[in-house]
């Protein structure tokens, strides 16, 4: 875990402000926020890792009765987030009136019951259900559904989400939260799969099954992201993060890619058409639609 180094800590050890500026310029330190630094790393931090640094530098400065919420709570709870959702530390205080957006902290003012806050690693954080609803009220539908999917996969109950949505009735964005929760599916294994599912629902394709098990001679030989069993067509979202998830102990990423290729060849040998797409393709649904159209045609000719 990266350590946050405060200015007072560093200056007490003999560094001047000029020294700090030079070390930042040289890439030895990075400025997390005003008065807080971290040792620079060789590999680029993920969005989540960078935000956790900002949280560690900011939470000690927050006034009592404040709970991390929205994108900040999502990072703490392991929900998928987009960079614009965590450009600041998001907090909620149970006060009336509008929110306040500062350089580092975005303060939300809305009703917040004590049972909607839990302690996570010593931080007060909105519960999983409340976090999902807050995100869904404030973020685009695709981002909201990705959060709903992950929360369902992590065990939040549909009744908990329904209660959280009902509790937000009349609040800004409540209708969007209600729609996102209705579209949730805990079978999605990544944000890319969540976005892919929404895209497929908008395309003129037959009804599909997420996480379809491929059964041959009574044995499950594979599980695919999306499947059309009657047409014998399967589709896979090919995100880089997926290979990290599939990595076995002592295995190199290249071995995962090879293993996935062998798996795909097996599916084709068994008579399945396989369609793949990556993150960049999600911005071009017509490309995915055309790949699927050709796959359905090939399958129909068999």
C-alpha atoms as a PDB file:
ATOM      1  CA  UNK A   1       0.000   0.000   0.000  1.00  0.00           C
ATOM      2  CA  UNK A   2       1.389   3.386  -1.008  1.00  0.00           C
ATOM      3  CA  UNK A   3       2.107   5.666   1.927  1.00  0.00           C
ATOM      4  CA  UNK A   4       0.938   9.257   2.006  1.00  0.00           C
ATOM      5  CA  UNK A   5       3.688  11.600   3.172  1.00  0.00           C
ATOM      6  CA  UNK A   6       2.523  14.912   4.553  1.00  0.00           C
ATOM      7  CA  UNK A   7       4.444  18.143   4.066  1.00  0.00           C
ATOM      8  CA  UNK A   8       4.922  18.461   7.833  1.00  0.00           C
ATOM      9  CA  UNK A   9       6.379  14.932   7.974  1.00  0.00           C
ATOM     10  CA  UNK A  10       8.825  15.673   5.158  1.00  0.00           C
ATOM     11  CA  UNK A  11       9.874  19.127   6.327  1.00  0.00           C
ATOM     12  CA  UNK A  12      10.457  17.761   9.839  1.00  0.00           C
ATOM     13  CA  UNK A  13      13.082  15.539   8.220  1.00  0.00           C
ATOM     14  CA  UNK A  14      14.918  18.468   6.714  1.00  0.00           C
ATOM     15  CA  UNK A  15      13.297  18.899   3.313  1.00  0.00           C
ATOM     16  CA  UNK A  16      12.325  22.392   2.220  1.00  0.00           C
ATOM     17  CA  UNK A  17       9.446  23.318  -0.059  1.00  0.00           C
ATOM     18  CA  UNK A  18      12.015  23.864  -2.807  1.00  0.00           C
ATOM     19  CA  UNK A  19      13.336  20.331  -2.212  1.00  0.00           C
ATOM     20  CA  UNK A  20       9.821  18.935  -2.513  1.00  0.00           C
ATOM     21  CA  UNK A  21       9.214  20.833  -5.744  1.00  0.00           C
ATOM     22  CA  UNK A  22      12.469  19.499  -7.201  1.00  0.00           C
ATOM     23  CA  UNK A  23      11.633  15.925  -6.234  1.00  0.00           C
ATOM     24  CA  UNK A  24       8.204  16.229  -7.832  1.00  0.00           C
ATOM     25  CA  UNK A  25       9.793  17.623 -11.019  1.00  0.00           C
ATOM     26  CA  UNK A  26      12.351  14.801 -10.999  1.00  0.00           C
ATOM     27  CA  UNK A  27       9.621  12.178 -10.691  1.00  0.00           C
ATOM     28  CA  UNK A  28      10.730  11.001  -7.248  1.00  0.00           C
ATOM     29  CA  UNK A  29       7.585  12.255  -5.518  1.00  0.00           C
ATOM     30  CA  UNK A  30       4.085  12.923  -6.758  1.00  0.00           C
ATOM     31  CA  UNK A  31       1.731  15.473  -5.285  1.00  0.00           C
ATOM     32  CA  UNK A  32      -1.467  13.812  -4.143  1.00  0.00           C
ATOM     33  CA  UNK A  33      -3.130  16.988  -2.956  1.00  0.00           C
ATOM     34  CA  UNK A  34      -2.058  20.173  -1.263  1.00  0.00           C
ATOM     35  CA  UNK A  35       0.325  19.276   1.543  1.00  0.00           C
ATOM     36  CA  UNK A  36       0.397  15.551   0.736  1.00  0.00           C
ATOM     37  CA  UNK A  37       2.819  13.524  -1.358  1.00  0.00           C
ATOM     38  CA  UNK A  38       3.555   9.919  -2.277  1.00  0.00           C
ATOM     39  CA  UNK A  39       6.642   8.215  -3.600  1.00  0.00           C
ATOM     40  CA  UNK A  40       6.396   7.983  -7.371  1.00  0.00           C
ATOM     41  CA  UNK A  41       5.956   4.531  -8.892  1.00  0.00           C
ATOM     42  CA  UNK A  42       7.317   3.103 -12.129  1.00  0.00           C
ATOM     43  CA  UNK A  43       4.052   1.580 -13.320  1.00  0.00           C
ATOM     44  CA  UNK A  44       1.063   3.840 -13.753  1.00  0.00           C
ATOM     45  CA  UNK A  45      -1.470   3.553 -10.954  1.00  0.00           C
ATOM     46  CA  UNK A  46      -4.992   2.482 -11.753  1.00  0.00           C
ATOM     47  CA  UNK A  47      -7.820   4.956 -11.288  1.00  0.00           C
ATOM     48  CA  UNK A  48      -8.776   3.136  -8.105  1.00  0.00           C
ATOM     49  CA  UNK A  49      -5.242   3.124  -6.691  1.00  0.00           C
ATOM     50  CA  UNK A  50      -4.850   6.831  -7.360  1.00  0.00           C
ATOM     51  CA  UNK A  51      -8.134   7.620  -5.666  1.00  0.00           C
ATOM     52  CA  UNK A  52      -7.236   5.528  -2.621  1.00  0.00           C
ATOM     53  CA  UNK A  53      -4.118   7.676  -2.272  1.00  0.00           C
ATOM     54  CA  UNK A  54      -6.276  10.791  -2.377  1.00  0.00           C
ATOM     55  CA  UNK A  55      -8.591   9.283   0.237  1.00  0.00           C
ATOM     56  CA  UNK A  56      -5.704   8.485   2.583  1.00  0.00           C
ATOM     57  CA  UNK A  57      -4.547  12.080   2.262  1.00  0.00           C
ATOM     58  CA  UNK A  58      -8.021  13.553   2.743  1.00  0.00           C
ATOM     59  CA  UNK A  59     -10.024  11.431   5.187  1.00  0.00           C
ATOM     60  CA  UNK A  60      -8.002  12.565   8.268  1.00  0.00           C
ATOM     61  CA  UNK A  61      -8.976  16.148   7.431  1.00  0.00           C
ATOM     62  CA  UNK A  62     -12.741  15.523   7.234  1.00  0.00           C
ATOM     63  CA  UNK A  63     -15.047  16.684   9.984  1.00  0.00           C
ATOM     64  CA  UNK A  64     -16.839  14.091  12.155  1.00  0.00           C
ATOM     65  CA  UNK A  65     -20.161  12.798  10.872  1.00  0.00           C
ATOM     66  CA  UNK A  66     -18.925  12.627   7.291  1.00  0.00           C
ATOM     67  CA  UNK A  67     -19.288   9.454   5.227  1.00  0.00           C
ATOM     68  CA  UNK A  68     -17.456   8.586   2.035  1.00  0.00           C
ATOM     69  CA  UNK A  69     -20.062   8.192  -0.680  1.00  0.00           C
ATOM     70  CA  UNK A  70     -20.674   8.007  -4.418  1.00  0.00           C
ATOM     71  CA  UNK A  71     -17.455   7.285  -6.366  1.00  0.00           C
ATOM     72  CA  UNK A  72     -15.245   7.326  -3.277  1.00  0.00           C
ATOM     73  CA  UNK A  73     -17.383   4.730  -1.516  1.00  0.00           C
ATOM     74  CA  UNK A  74     -17.424   2.702  -4.732  1.00  0.00           C
ATOM     75  CA  UNK A  75     -13.613   2.558  -4.779  1.00  0.00           C
ATOM     76  CA  UNK A  76     -13.472   1.472  -1.134  1.00  0.00           C
ATOM     77  CA  UNK A  77     -16.060  -1.224  -1.802  1.00  0.00           C
ATOM     78  CA  UNK A  78     -14.496  -2.492  -5.014  1.00  0.00           C
ATOM     79  CA  UNK A  79     -17.172  -1.317  -7.430  1.00  0.00           C
ATOM     80  CA  UNK A  80     -16.132  -0.293 -10.961  1.00  0.00           C
ATOM     81  CA  UNK A  81     -15.686   3.447 -11.480  1.00  0.00           C
ATOM     82  CA  UNK A  82     -14.771   5.767 -14.321  1.00  0.00           C
ATOM     83  CA  UNK A  83     -12.185   8.555 -13.855  1.00  0.00           C
ATOM     84  CA  UNK A  84     -14.749  11.362 -13.879  1.00  0.00           C
ATOM     85  CA  UNK A  85     -16.578   9.720 -10.961  1.00  0.00           C
ATOM     86  CA  UNK A  86     -13.513  10.008  -8.712  1.00  0.00           C
ATOM     87  CA  UNK A  87     -11.902  13.277  -9.744  1.00  0.00           C
ATOM     88  CA  UNK A  88     -12.637  14.425  -6.179  1.00  0.00           C
ATOM     89  CA  UNK A  89     -13.293  12.848  -2.807  1.00  0.00           C
ATOM     90  CA  UNK A  90     -17.057  12.419  -2.509  1.00  0.00           C
ATOM     91  CA  UNK A  91     -18.607  12.710   0.932  1.00  0.00           C
ATOM     92  CA  UNK A  92     -22.161  12.929   2.255  1.00  0.00           C
ATOM     93  CA  UNK A  93     -23.380  14.709   5.344  1.00  0.00           C
ATOM     94  CA  UNK A  94     -26.997  14.425   6.503  1.00  0.00           C
ATOM     95  CA  UNK A  95     -27.827  18.064   5.889  1.00  0.00           C
ATOM     96  CA  UNK A  96     -30.361  19.910   3.807  1.00  0.00           C
ATOM     97  CA  UNK A  97     -29.339  22.120   0.940  1.00  0.00           C
ATOM     98  CA  UNK A  98     -27.261  21.673  -2.187  1.00  0.00           C
ATOM     99  CA  UNK A  99     -23.862  20.073  -2.480  1.00  0.00           C
ATOM    100  CA  UNK A 100     -20.567  21.925  -2.537  1.00  0.00           C
ATOM    101  CA  UNK A 101     -17.871  21.202  -5.064  1.00  0.00           C
ATOM    102  CA  UNK A 102     -14.371  22.149  -3.974  1.00  0.00           C
ATOM    103  CA  UNK A 103     -10.966  21.502  -5.518  1.00  0.00           C
ATOM    104  CA  UNK A 104     -10.491  18.219  -3.667  1.00  0.00           C
ATOM    105  CA  UNK A 105     -13.811  17.406  -1.992  1.00  0.00           C
ATOM    106  CA  UNK A 106     -17.348  17.205  -3.353  1.00  0.00           C
ATOM    107  CA  UNK A 107     -19.760  17.509  -0.446  1.00  0.00           C
ATOM    108  CA  UNK A 108     -23.219  16.030  -1.000  1.00  0.00           C
ATOM    109  CA  UNK A 109     -26.057  17.022   1.315  1.00  0.00           C
ATOM    110  CA  UNK A 110     -28.883  14.512   1.523  1.00  0.00           C
ATOM    111  CA  UNK A 111     -30.670  12.421   4.156  1.00  0.00           C
ATOM    112  CA  UNK A 112     -28.361   9.731   5.515  1.00  0.00           C
ATOM    113  CA  UNK A 113     -29.552   7.294   8.150  1.00  0.00           C
ATOM    114  CA  UNK A 114     -27.140   5.705  10.592  1.00  0.00           C
ATOM    115  CA  UNK A 115     -27.913   2.251   9.147  1.00  0.00           C
ATOM    116  CA  UNK A 116     -26.739   3.483   5.731  1.00  0.00           C
ATOM    117  CA  UNK A 117     -23.183   3.961   7.002  1.00  0.00           C
ATOM    118  CA  UNK A 118     -20.638   1.290   7.882  1.00  0.00           C
ATOM    119  CA  UNK A 119     -17.023   1.343   9.018  1.00  0.00           C
ATOM    120  CA  UNK A 120     -14.606  -0.030   6.418  1.00  0.00           C
ATOM    121  CA  UNK A 121     -10.941  -0.134   7.448  1.00  0.00           C
ATOM    122  CA  UNK A 122     -11.653   2.630   9.952  1.00  0.00           C
ATOM    123  CA  UNK A 123     -13.445   4.892   7.459  1.00  0.00           C
ATOM    124  CA  UNK A 124     -17.154   5.718   7.551  1.00  0.00           C
ATOM    125  CA  UNK A 125     -18.541   4.613   4.190  1.00  0.00           C
ATOM    126  CA  UNK A 126     -22.064   4.400   2.811  1.00  0.00           C
ATOM    127  CA  UNK A 127     -23.425   0.865   2.647  1.00  0.00           C
ATOM    128  CA  UNK A 128     -23.122  -1.102  -0.576  1.00  0.00           C
ATOM    129  CA  UNK A 129     -26.789  -0.582  -1.494  1.00  0.00           C
ATOM    130  CA  UNK A 130     -26.719   3.152  -0.734  1.00  0.00           C
ATOM    131  CA  UNK A 131     -23.437   3.534  -2.630  1.00  0.00           C
ATOM    132  CA  UNK A 132     -24.931   1.874  -5.701  1.00  0.00           C
ATOM    133  CA  UNK A 133     -28.012   4.089  -5.640  1.00  0.00           C
ATOM    134  CA  UNK A 134     -25.965   7.270  -5.151  1.00  0.00           C
ATOM    135  CA  UNK A 135     -23.755   6.300  -8.088  1.00  0.00           C
ATOM    136  CA  UNK A 136     -26.765   5.414 -10.214  1.00  0.00           C
ATOM    137  CA  UNK A 137     -28.378   8.772  -9.431  1.00  0.00           C
ATOM    138  CA  UNK A 138     -25.312  10.701 -10.541  1.00  0.00           C
ATOM    139  CA  UNK A 139     -23.596   8.708 -13.296  1.00  0.00           C
ATOM    140  CA  UNK A 140     -24.594   7.638 -16.845  1.00  0.00           C
ATOM    141  CA  UNK A 141     -26.677   4.480 -17.147  1.00  0.00           C
ATOM    142  CA  UNK A 142     -23.805   2.289 -18.373  1.00  0.00           C
ATOM    143  CA  UNK A 143     -21.622   3.168 -15.394  1.00  0.00           C
ATOM    144  CA  UNK A 144     -24.540   2.744 -13.035  1.00  0.00           C
ATOM    145  CA  UNK A 145     -25.436  -0.727 -14.331  1.00  0.00           C
ATOM    146  CA  UNK A 146     -21.806  -1.841 -14.065  1.00  0.00           C
ATOM    147  CA  UNK A 147     -21.907  -0.880 -10.375  1.00  0.00           C
ATOM    148  CA  UNK A 148     -25.255  -2.626  -9.845  1.00  0.00           C
ATOM    149  CA  UNK A 149     -23.930  -5.798 -11.486  1.00  0.00           C
ATOM    150  CA  UNK A 150     -20.810  -5.873  -9.317  1.00  0.00           C
ATOM    151  CA  UNK A 151     -22.798  -5.226  -6.140  1.00  0.00           C
ATOM    152  CA  UNK A 152     -25.174  -8.093  -6.969  1.00  0.00           C
ATOM    153  CA  UNK A 153     -22.208 -10.366  -7.638  1.00  0.00           C
ATOM    154  CA  UNK A 154     -20.774  -9.400  -4.257  1.00  0.00           C
ATOM    155  CA  UNK A 155     -23.930 -10.436  -2.461  1.00  0.00           C
ATOM    156  CA  UNK A 156     -26.094  -7.343  -2.034  1.00  0.00           C
ATOM    157  CA  UNK A 157     -29.722  -8.425  -2.024  1.00  0.00           C
ATOM    158  CA  UNK A 158     -32.227  -7.272  -4.615  1.00  0.00           C
ATOM    159  CA  UNK A 159     -34.506  -6.316  -1.726  1.00  0.00           C
ATOM    160  CA  UNK A 160     -31.713  -4.124  -0.275  1.00  0.00           C
ATOM    161  CA  UNK A 161     -31.308  -2.329  -3.581  1.00  0.00           C
ATOM    162  CA  UNK A 162     -35.063  -1.932  -3.941  1.00  0.00           C
ATOM    163  CA  UNK A 163     -35.275  -0.419  -0.451  1.00  0.00           C
ATOM    164  CA  UNK A 164     -32.399   1.967  -1.205  1.00  0.00           C
ATOM    165  CA  UNK A 165     -34.103   3.061  -4.437  1.00  0.00           C
ATOM    166  CA  UNK A 166     -37.379   3.582  -2.595  1.00  0.00           C
ATOM    167  CA  UNK A 167     -35.568   5.643   0.037  1.00  0.00           C
ATOM    168  CA  UNK A 168     -34.239   7.942  -2.692  1.00  0.00           C
ATOM    169  CA  UNK A 169     -37.682   8.629  -4.182  1.00  0.00           C
ATOM    170  CA  UNK A 170     -37.993  12.272  -5.122  1.00  0.00           C
ATOM    171  CA  UNK A 171     -34.241  12.882  -5.042  1.00  0.00           C
ATOM    172  CA  UNK A 172     -32.382  14.089  -8.151  1.00  0.00           C
ATOM    173  CA  UNK A 173     -31.577  11.158 -10.413  1.00  0.00           C
ATOM    174  CA  UNK A 174     -33.880   8.716  -8.617  1.00  0.00           C
ATOM    175  CA  UNK A 175     -35.521   7.614 -11.870  1.00  0.00           C
ATOM    176  CA  UNK A 176     -32.118   6.764 -13.345  1.00  0.00           C
ATOM    177  CA  UNK A 177     -31.232   4.735 -10.271  1.00  0.00           C
ATOM    178  CA  UNK A 178     -34.503   2.833 -10.509  1.00  0.00           C
ATOM    179  CA  UNK A 179     -33.819   1.978 -14.157  1.00  0.00           C
ATOM    180  CA  UNK A 180     -30.227   0.909 -13.489  1.00  0.00           C
ATOM    181  CA  UNK A 181     -31.244  -1.410 -10.659  1.00  0.00           C
ATOM    182  CA  UNK A 182     -33.939  -2.952 -12.857  1.00  0.00           C
ATOM    183  CA  UNK A 183     -31.304  -3.729 -15.500  1.00  0.00           C
ATOM    184  CA  UNK A 184     -28.814  -5.256 -13.050  1.00  0.00           C
ATOM    185  CA  UNK A 185     -27.498  -8.794 -13.512  1.00  0.00           C
ATOM    186  CA  UNK A 186     -25.039 -10.270 -11.049  1.00  0.00           C
ATOM    187  CA  UNK A 187     -23.734 -12.764 -13.607  1.00  0.00           C
ATOM    188  CA  UNK A 188     -21.577 -10.087 -15.262  1.00  0.00           C
ATOM    189  CA  UNK A 189     -17.926 -10.676 -14.382  1.00  0.00           C
ATOM    190  CA  UNK A 190     -16.573  -7.270 -15.455  1.00  0.00           C
ATOM    191  CA  UNK A 191     -17.669  -3.757 -16.287  1.00  0.00           C
ATOM    192  CA  UNK A 192     -16.988  -4.548 -19.934  1.00  0.00           C
ATOM    193  CA  UNK A 193     -19.470  -7.412 -19.802  1.00  0.00           C
ATOM    194  CA  UNK A 194     -22.041  -5.109 -18.215  1.00  0.00           C
ATOM    195  CA  UNK A 195     -21.657  -2.552 -20.999  1.00  0.00           C
ATOM    196  CA  UNK A 196     -21.710  -5.323 -23.604  1.00  0.00           C
ATOM    197  CA  UNK A 197     -24.985  -6.658 -22.240  1.00  0.00           C
ATOM    198  CA  UNK A 198     -26.611  -3.232 -22.460  1.00  0.00           C
ATOM    199  CA  UNK A 199     -25.351  -2.874 -26.013  1.00  0.00           C
ATOM    200  CA  UNK A 200     -26.749  -6.271 -27.009  1.00  0.00           C
ATOM    201  CA  UNK A 201     -30.125  -5.374 -25.523  1.00  0.00           C
ATOM    202  CA  UNK A 202     -30.246  -2.408 -27.886  1.00  0.00           C
ATOM    203  CA  UNK A 203     -29.284  -4.426 -30.962  1.00  0.00           C
ATOM    204  CA  UNK A 204     -31.664  -6.379 -33.178  1.00  0.00           C
ATOM    205  CA  UNK A 205     -30.379  -9.804 -32.114  1.00  0.00           C
ATOM    206  CA  UNK A 206     -32.131 -12.868 -30.683  1.00  0.00           C
ATOM    207  CA  UNK A 207     -32.475 -13.248 -26.927  1.00  0.00           C
ATOM    208  CA  UNK A 208     -29.147 -14.257 -25.388  1.00  0.00           C
ATOM    209  CA  UNK A 209     -28.025 -15.899 -22.156  1.00  0.00           C
ATOM    210  CA  UNK A 210     -25.229 -14.313 -20.084  1.00  0.00           C
ATOM    211  CA  UNK A 211     -22.609 -16.733 -18.763  1.00  0.00           C
ATOM    212  CA  UNK A 212     -23.977 -19.601 -20.837  1.00  0.00           C
ATOM    213  CA  UNK A 213     -22.491 -23.006 -19.920  1.00  0.00           C
ATOM    214  CA  UNK A 214     -21.464 -25.047 -22.963  1.00  0.00           C
ATOM    215  CA  UNK A 215     -22.429 -28.643 -22.300  1.00  0.00           C
ATOM    216  CA  UNK A 216     -21.152 -31.543 -24.374  1.00  0.00           C
ATOM    217  CA  UNK A 217     -22.002 -35.148 -23.529  1.00  0.00           C
ATOM    218  CA  UNK A 218     -23.349 -34.065 -20.154  1.00  0.00           C
ATOM    219  CA  UNK A 219     -20.212 -32.162 -19.163  1.00  0.00           C
ATOM    220  CA  UNK A 220     -19.661 -28.400 -18.955  1.00  0.00           C
ATOM    221  CA  UNK A 221     -16.649 -27.798 -21.201  1.00  0.00           C
ATOM    222  CA  UNK A 222     -16.735 -23.983 -21.189  1.00  0.00           C
ATOM    223  CA  UNK A 223     -18.684 -20.978 -19.973  1.00  0.00           C
ATOM    224  CA  UNK A 224     -19.082 -18.021 -22.330  1.00  0.00           C
ATOM    225  CA  UNK A 225     -19.963 -14.388 -21.678  1.00  0.00           C
ATOM    226  CA  UNK A 226     -23.011 -14.447 -23.959  1.00  0.00           C
ATOM    227  CA  UNK A 227     -24.615 -17.317 -25.808  1.00  0.00           C
ATOM    228  CA  UNK A 228     -27.351 -18.088 -28.294  1.00  0.00           C
ATOM    229  CA  UNK A 229     -27.801 -21.803 -27.738  1.00  0.00           C
ATOM    230  CA  UNK A 230     -30.359 -22.426 -30.450  1.00  0.00           C
ATOM    231  CA  UNK A 231     -28.233 -20.672 -33.080  1.00  0.00           C
ATOM    232  CA  UNK A 232     -24.973 -22.078 -31.634  1.00  0.00           C
ATOM    233  CA  UNK A 233     -23.338 -18.682 -31.493  1.00  0.00           C
ATOM    234  CA  UNK A 234     -21.308 -17.371 -28.556  1.00  0.00           C
ATOM    235  CA  UNK A 235     -19.762 -13.961 -27.868  1.00  0.00           C
ATOM    236  CA  UNK A 236     -16.920 -12.917 -25.577  1.00  0.00           C
ATOM    237  CA  UNK A 237     -15.892  -9.515 -24.288  1.00  0.00           C
ATOM    238  CA  UNK A 238     -12.120  -9.517 -24.535  1.00  0.00           C
ATOM    239  CA  UNK A 239     -10.950  -6.983 -21.941  1.00  0.00           C
ATOM    240  CA  UNK A 240      -7.328  -6.994 -20.778  1.00  0.00           C
ATOM    241  CA  UNK A 241      -8.466  -7.192 -17.170  1.00  0.00           C
ATOM    242  CA  UNK A 242     -10.070 -10.527 -17.976  1.00  0.00           C
ATOM    243  CA  UNK A 243      -6.676 -12.138 -18.531  1.00  0.00           C
ATOM    244  CA  UNK A 244      -5.542 -10.938 -15.118  1.00  0.00           C
ATOM    245  CA  UNK A 245      -8.612 -12.552 -13.612  1.00  0.00           C
ATOM    246  CA  UNK A 246      -7.892 -15.835 -15.414  1.00  0.00           C
ATOM    247  CA  UNK A 247      -4.212 -15.894 -14.470  1.00  0.00           C
ATOM    248  CA  UNK A 248      -3.305 -19.008 -12.496  1.00  0.00           C
ATOM    249  CA  UNK A 249      -0.544 -19.244  -9.902  1.00  0.00           C
ATOM    250  CA  UNK A 250       2.849 -19.085 -11.620  1.00  0.00           C
ATOM    251  CA  UNK A 251       1.311 -18.412 -15.026  1.00  0.00           C
ATOM    252  CA  UNK A 252       2.397 -15.683 -17.462  1.00  0.00           C
ATOM    253  CA  UNK A 253      -0.168 -13.523 -19.325  1.00  0.00           C
ATOM    254  CA  UNK A 254       0.927 -15.066 -22.633  1.00  0.00           C
ATOM    255  CA  UNK A 255      -0.049 -18.496 -21.334  1.00  0.00           C
ATOM    256  CA  UNK A 256      -3.536 -17.211 -20.560  1.00  0.00           C
ATOM    257  CA  UNK A 257      -3.901 -15.848 -24.087  1.00  0.00           C
ATOM    258  CA  UNK A 258      -2.772 -19.199 -25.510  1.00  0.00           C
ATOM    259  CA  UNK A 259      -5.162 -21.102 -23.247  1.00  0.00           C
ATOM    260  CA  UNK A 260      -8.030 -18.849 -24.374  1.00  0.00           C
ATOM    261  CA  UNK A 261      -7.129 -19.523 -28.005  1.00  0.00           C
ATOM    262  CA  UNK A 262      -7.210 -23.283 -27.395  1.00  0.00           C
ATOM    263  CA  UNK A 263     -10.589 -22.847 -25.705  1.00  0.00           C
ATOM    264  CA  UNK A 264     -11.933 -20.878 -28.666  1.00  0.00           C
ATOM    265  CA  UNK A 265     -10.655 -23.479 -31.131  1.00  0.00           C
ATOM    266  CA  UNK A 266     -12.432 -26.169 -29.114  1.00  0.00           C
ATOM    267  CA  UNK A 267     -15.711 -24.256 -29.299  1.00  0.00           C
ATOM    268  CA  UNK A 268     -15.377 -23.900 -33.064  1.00  0.00           C
ATOM    269  CA  UNK A 269     -14.591 -27.614 -33.409  1.00  0.00           C
ATOM    270  CA  UNK A 270     -17.791 -28.340 -31.471  1.00  0.00           C
ATOM    271  CA  UNK A 271     -19.775 -26.349 -34.005  1.00  0.00           C
ATOM    272  CA  UNK A 272     -20.081 -22.978 -32.281  1.00  0.00           C
ATOM    273  CA  UNK A 273     -19.509 -19.644 -33.996  1.00  0.00           C
ATOM    274  CA  UNK A 274     -17.381 -17.369 -31.788  1.00  0.00           C
ATOM    275  CA  UNK A 275     -17.525 -13.573 -31.848  1.00  0.00           C
ATOM    276  CA  UNK A 276     -15.180 -11.357 -29.849  1.00  0.00           C
ATOM    277  CA  UNK A 277     -14.911  -7.646 -29.174  1.00  0.00           C
ATOM    278  CA  UNK A 278     -12.765  -5.324 -27.068  1.00  0.00           C
ATOM    279  CA  UNK A 279     -13.264  -2.050 -25.184  1.00  0.00           C
ATOM    280  CA  UNK A 280     -12.754   0.086 -28.277  1.00  0.00           C
ATOM    281  CA  UNK A 281     -15.521  -1.790 -30.121  1.00  0.00           C
ATOM    282  CA  UNK A 282     -18.107  -0.790 -27.517  1.00  0.00           C
ATOM    283  CA  UNK A 283     -18.024   2.728 -28.960  1.00  0.00           C
ATOM    284  CA  UNK A 284     -19.045   1.275 -32.339  1.00  0.00           C
ATOM    285  CA  UNK A 285     -22.096  -0.942 -31.842  1.00  0.00           C
ATOM    286  CA  UNK A 286     -22.552  -1.209 -35.602  1.00  0.00           C
ATOM    287  CA  UNK A 287     -19.253  -3.122 -35.771  1.00  0.00           C
ATOM    288  CA  UNK A 288     -20.411  -5.616 -33.153  1.00  0.00           C
ATOM    289  CA  UNK A 289     -23.799  -5.916 -34.841  1.00  0.00           C
ATOM    290  CA  UNK A 290     -22.142  -6.762 -38.167  1.00  0.00           C
ATOM    291  CA  UNK A 291     -19.883  -9.398 -36.570  1.00  0.00           C
ATOM    292  CA  UNK A 292     -22.873 -11.030 -34.960  1.00  0.00           C
ATOM    293  CA  UNK A 293     -24.896 -10.862 -38.190  1.00  0.00           C
ATOM    294  CA  UNK A 294     -22.153 -12.713 -40.064  1.00  0.00           C
ATOM    295  CA  UNK A 295     -21.847 -15.283 -37.269  1.00  0.00           C
ATOM    296  CA  UNK A 296     -25.588 -15.999 -37.335  1.00  0.00           C
ATOM    297  CA  UNK A 297     -25.438 -16.390 -41.129  1.00  0.00           C
ATOM    298  CA  UNK A 298     -22.511 -18.808 -40.909  1.00  0.00           C
ATOM    299  CA  UNK A 299     -24.304 -20.803 -38.229  1.00  0.00           C
ATOM    300  CA  UNK A 300     -27.494 -20.956 -40.302  1.00  0.00           C
ATOM    301  CA  UNK A 301     -25.626 -22.409 -43.293  1.00  0.00           C
ATOM    302  CA  UNK A 302     -24.425 -25.372 -41.243  1.00  0.00           C
END
